[in-house]
Amino acid sequence: MQQFLVDANVFVAAIKNPGKKTRTLDLILEIISNQRTHLVGNDLLLLEFEKYAEKFKSETASHLIKRLNTDFRQVFMSHN
């Protein structure tokens, strides 16, 4: 199983111009749709994605946030 971490820049590129279907959007959709891959991150990253989805409101942004809220795998960091 492959795991991918994308930063907020990738998320913004996918949602900023929803009328212009980008390869970045395709990449995120492929990662969250493929059963052999998972998008990972932490709660702060998900909050940042939600902030940008609010800033660049669109059906695409809303759809991605809904999918991420169910398909996103949270990784917890230890404070050693």
N, C-alpha and C. Protein backbone atom coordinates (compact mmCIF):
# COMPACT_ATOMS: atom_id res chain seq x y z
N MET A 1 0.84 -1.17 0.00
CA MET A 1 0.00 0.00 0.00
C MET A 1 0.89 1.24 0.00
N GLN A 2 0.60 2.16 -0.92
CA GLN A 2 1.36 3.40 -1.00
C GLN A 2 0.63 4.52 -0.26
N GLN A 3 1.41 5.38 0.38
CA GLN A 3 0.85 6.52 1.09
C GLN A 3 1.47 7.79 0.51
N PHE A 4 0.63 8.80 0.36
CA PHE A 4 1.09 10.07 -0.21
C PHE A 4 0.72 11.22 0.73
N LEU A 5 1.62 12.15 0.85
CA LEU A 5 1.39 13.38 1.60
C LEU A 5 1.49 14.53 0.61
N VAL A 6 0.42 15.29 0.47
CA VAL A 6 0.46 16.47 -0.40
C VAL A 6 0.32 17.70 0.47
N ASP A 7 1.03 18.75 0.10
CA ASP A 7 0.94 19.97 0.90
C ASP A 7 -0.19 20.86 0.40
N ALA A 8 -0.40 21.97 1.09
CA ALA A 8 -1.50 22.86 0.76
C ALA A 8 -1.37 23.46 -0.63
N ASN A 9 -0.14 23.64 -1.12
CA ASN A 9 0.04 24.18 -2.47
C ASN A 9 -0.58 23.26 -3.53
N VAL A 10 -0.45 21.98 -3.33
CA VAL A 10 -1.03 21.01 -4.27
C VAL A 10 -2.55 21.09 -4.20
N PHE A 11 -3.09 21.17 -2.99
CA PHE A 11 -4.54 21.27 -2.83
C PHE A 11 -5.07 22.54 -3.49
N VAL A 12 -4.40 23.68 -3.27
CA VAL A 12 -4.83 24.95 -3.86
C VAL A 12 -4.77 24.87 -5.39
N ALA A 13 -3.72 24.28 -5.93
CA ALA A 13 -3.62 24.14 -7.38
C ALA A 13 -4.79 23.32 -7.94
N ALA A 14 -5.27 22.38 -7.16
CA ALA A 14 -6.38 21.53 -7.62
C ALA A 14 -7.72 22.25 -7.58
N ILE A 15 -7.89 23.24 -6.69
CA ILE A 15 -9.21 23.86 -6.51
C ILE A 15 -9.30 25.31 -6.94
N LYS A 16 -8.17 25.97 -7.18
CA LYS A 16 -8.17 27.42 -7.42
C LYS A 16 -8.99 27.83 -8.65
N ASN A 17 -8.85 27.10 -9.73
CA ASN A 17 -9.60 27.38 -10.96
C ASN A 17 -10.42 26.16 -11.35
N PRO A 18 -11.58 25.99 -10.71
CA PRO A 18 -12.34 24.75 -10.92
C PRO A 18 -12.80 24.53 -12.36
N GLY A 19 -12.96 25.60 -13.14
CA GLY A 19 -13.36 25.43 -14.54
C GLY A 19 -12.25 24.85 -15.39
N LYS A 20 -11.05 25.00 -14.93
CA LYS A 20 -9.87 24.49 -15.63
C LYS A 20 -9.44 23.19 -14.97
N LYS A 21 -9.84 22.09 -15.54
CA LYS A 21 -9.52 20.79 -14.92
C LYS A 21 -8.01 20.58 -14.99
N THR A 22 -7.41 20.47 -13.84
CA THR A 22 -5.95 20.37 -13.77
C THR A 22 -5.50 18.94 -13.52
N ARG A 23 -4.26 18.69 -13.85
CA ARG A 23 -3.67 17.38 -13.58
C ARG A 23 -3.51 17.18 -12.07
N THR A 24 -3.38 18.29 -11.34
CA THR A 24 -3.27 18.21 -9.90
C THR A 24 -4.56 17.67 -9.30
N LEU A 25 -5.68 18.14 -9.79
CA LEU A 25 -6.97 17.63 -9.35
C LEU A 25 -7.08 16.14 -9.67
N ASP A 26 -6.67 15.76 -10.87
CA ASP A 26 -6.68 14.35 -11.26
C ASP A 26 -5.83 13.51 -10.31
N LEU A 27 -4.66 14.04 -9.93
CA LEU A 27 -3.77 13.31 -9.03
C LEU A 27 -4.43 13.06 -7.68
N ILE A 28 -4.99 14.11 -7.08
CA ILE A 28 -5.63 13.95 -5.77
C ILE A 28 -6.81 12.98 -5.86
N LEU A 29 -7.62 13.11 -6.90
CA LEU A 29 -8.76 12.20 -7.06
C LEU A 29 -8.31 10.76 -7.23
N GLU A 30 -7.22 10.55 -7.97
CA GLU A 30 -6.69 9.20 -8.16
C GLU A 30 -6.21 8.62 -6.83
N ILE A 31 -5.52 9.43 -6.05
CA ILE A 31 -5.00 8.93 -4.77
C ILE A 31 -6.14 8.55 -3.83
N ILE A 32 -7.18 9.39 -3.75
CA ILE A 32 -8.26 9.08 -2.80
C ILE A 32 -9.25 8.05 -3.34
N SER A 33 -9.21 7.78 -4.64
CA SER A 33 -10.13 6.80 -5.23
C SER A 33 -9.52 5.41 -5.34
N ASN A 34 -8.21 5.34 -5.42
CA ASN A 34 -7.52 4.08 -5.61
C ASN A 34 -7.40 3.35 -4.27
N GLN A 35 -7.82 2.11 -4.23
CA GLN A 35 -7.79 1.34 -2.99
C GLN A 35 -6.37 0.96 -2.56
N ARG A 36 -5.41 1.09 -3.47
CA ARG A 36 -4.03 0.74 -3.14
C ARG A 36 -3.22 1.94 -2.67
N THR A 37 -3.83 3.12 -2.64
CA THR A 37 -3.13 4.31 -2.20
C THR A 37 -3.95 5.06 -1.16
N HIS A 38 -3.25 5.82 -0.33
CA HIS A 38 -3.91 6.61 0.70
C HIS A 38 -3.26 7.98 0.78
N LEU A 39 -4.07 8.97 0.99
CA LEU A 39 -3.59 10.31 1.25
C LEU A 39 -3.47 10.46 2.75
N VAL A 40 -2.30 10.85 3.22
CA VAL A 40 -2.06 10.93 4.66
C VAL A 40 -1.68 12.36 5.05
N GLY A 41 -1.87 12.64 6.32
CA GLY A 41 -1.51 13.93 6.89
C GLY A 41 -2.00 14.00 8.32
N ASN A 42 -2.00 15.20 8.87
CA ASN A 42 -2.48 15.33 10.23
C ASN A 42 -3.67 16.30 10.27
N ASP A 43 -4.21 16.49 11.45
CA ASP A 43 -5.39 17.33 11.59
C ASP A 43 -5.12 18.79 11.19
N LEU A 44 -3.90 19.27 11.40
CA LEU A 44 -3.56 20.64 11.01
C LEU A 44 -3.57 20.81 9.49
N LEU A 45 -3.09 19.81 8.78
CA LEU A 45 -3.10 19.86 7.32
C LEU A 45 -4.54 19.86 6.81
N LEU A 46 -5.37 19.02 7.39
CA LEU A 46 -6.77 18.98 6.97
C LEU A 46 -7.46 20.32 7.26
N LEU A 47 -7.15 20.95 8.38
CA LEU A 47 -7.70 22.27 8.68
C LEU A 47 -7.24 23.31 7.67
N GLU A 48 -5.99 23.20 7.23
CA GLU A 48 -5.47 24.13 6.23
C GLU A 48 -6.19 23.91 4.89
N PHE A 49 -6.42 22.66 4.52
CA PHE A 49 -7.18 22.37 3.30
C PHE A 49 -8.58 22.98 3.40
N GLU A 50 -9.21 22.84 4.56
CA GLU A 50 -10.56 23.39 4.74
C GLU A 50 -10.54 24.92 4.63
N LYS A 51 -9.50 25.55 5.15
CA LYS A 51 -9.37 27.01 5.05
C LYS A 51 -9.31 27.44 3.58
N TYR A 52 -8.51 26.74 2.78
CA TYR A 52 -8.40 27.09 1.37
C TYR A 52 -9.66 26.74 0.59
N ALA A 53 -10.34 25.70 0.98
CA ALA A 53 -11.61 25.35 0.33
C ALA A 53 -12.63 26.45 0.56
N GLU A 54 -12.58 27.07 1.73
CA GLU A 54 -13.47 28.19 2.04
C GLU A 54 -13.07 29.44 1.24
N LYS A 55 -11.77 29.65 1.11
CA LYS A 55 -11.27 30.83 0.38
C LYS A 55 -11.58 30.73 -1.11
N PHE A 56 -11.42 29.56 -1.69
CA PHE A 56 -11.67 29.32 -3.12
C PHE A 56 -12.92 28.47 -3.28
N LYS A 57 -14.04 28.99 -2.80
CA LYS A 57 -15.29 28.22 -2.81
C LYS A 57 -15.67 27.77 -4.22
N SER A 58 -16.02 26.50 -4.31
CA SER A 58 -16.51 25.92 -5.56
C SER A 58 -17.06 24.53 -5.24
N GLU A 59 -17.77 23.97 -6.20
CA GLU A 59 -18.25 22.60 -6.03
C GLU A 59 -17.08 21.64 -5.93
N THR A 60 -16.03 21.92 -6.69
CA THR A 60 -14.83 21.07 -6.67
C THR A 60 -14.21 21.07 -5.28
N ALA A 61 -14.05 22.26 -4.70
CA ALA A 61 -13.46 22.35 -3.36
C ALA A 61 -14.33 21.65 -2.33
N SER A 62 -15.64 21.86 -2.40
CA SER A 62 -16.56 21.20 -1.46
C SER A 62 -16.49 19.69 -1.59
N HIS A 63 -16.47 19.22 -2.82
CA HIS A 63 -16.41 17.77 -3.07
C HIS A 63 -15.12 17.18 -2.50
N LEU A 64 -13.99 17.85 -2.75
CA LEU A 64 -12.73 17.33 -2.26
C LEU A 64 -12.68 17.30 -0.73
N ILE A 65 -13.17 18.34 -0.09
CA ILE A 65 -13.17 18.36 1.37
C ILE A 65 -14.05 17.25 1.93
N LYS A 66 -15.20 17.02 1.32
CA LYS A 66 -16.07 15.91 1.77
C LYS A 66 -15.35 14.58 1.64
N ARG A 67 -14.70 14.38 0.49
CA ARG A 67 -13.96 13.13 0.27
C ARG A 67 -12.80 12.99 1.24
N LEU A 68 -12.08 14.08 1.47
CA LEU A 68 -10.95 14.02 2.37
C LEU A 68 -11.38 13.75 3.81
N ASN A 69 -12.51 14.27 4.20
CA ASN A 69 -13.00 14.02 5.55
C ASN A 69 -13.33 12.55 5.79
N THR A 70 -13.58 11.81 4.73
CA THR A 70 -13.86 10.37 4.88
C THR A 70 -12.67 9.50 4.48
N ASP A 71 -11.85 9.95 3.53
CA ASP A 71 -10.78 9.10 2.99
C ASP A 71 -9.39 9.46 3.47
N PHE A 72 -9.22 10.57 4.14
CA PHE A 72 -7.93 11.04 4.61
C PHE A 72 -7.46 10.18 5.77
N ARG A 73 -6.25 9.71 5.73
CA ARG A 73 -5.69 8.90 6.82
C ARG A 73 -4.82 9.80 7.68
N GLN A 74 -5.22 9.96 8.93
CA GLN A 74 -4.45 10.81 9.82
C GLN A 74 -3.24 10.08 10.35
N VAL A 75 -2.12 10.80 10.33
CA VAL A 75 -0.86 10.29 10.87
C VAL A 75 -0.56 11.10 12.13
N PHE A 76 -0.29 10.43 13.19
CA PHE A 76 0.00 11.10 14.46
C PHE A 76 1.49 11.09 14.71
N MET A 77 2.01 12.25 15.03
CA MET A 77 3.44 12.40 15.28
C MET A 77 3.70 12.32 16.78
N SER A 78 4.74 11.62 17.15
CA SER A 78 5.12 11.58 18.56
C SER A 78 6.08 12.74 18.83
N HIS A 79 6.06 13.23 20.05
CA HIS A 79 6.90 14.35 20.44
C HIS A 79 8.10 13.85 21.24
N ASN A 80 8.99 13.13 20.59
CA ASN A 80 10.17 12.58 21.27
C ASN A 80 11.31 13.56 21.25
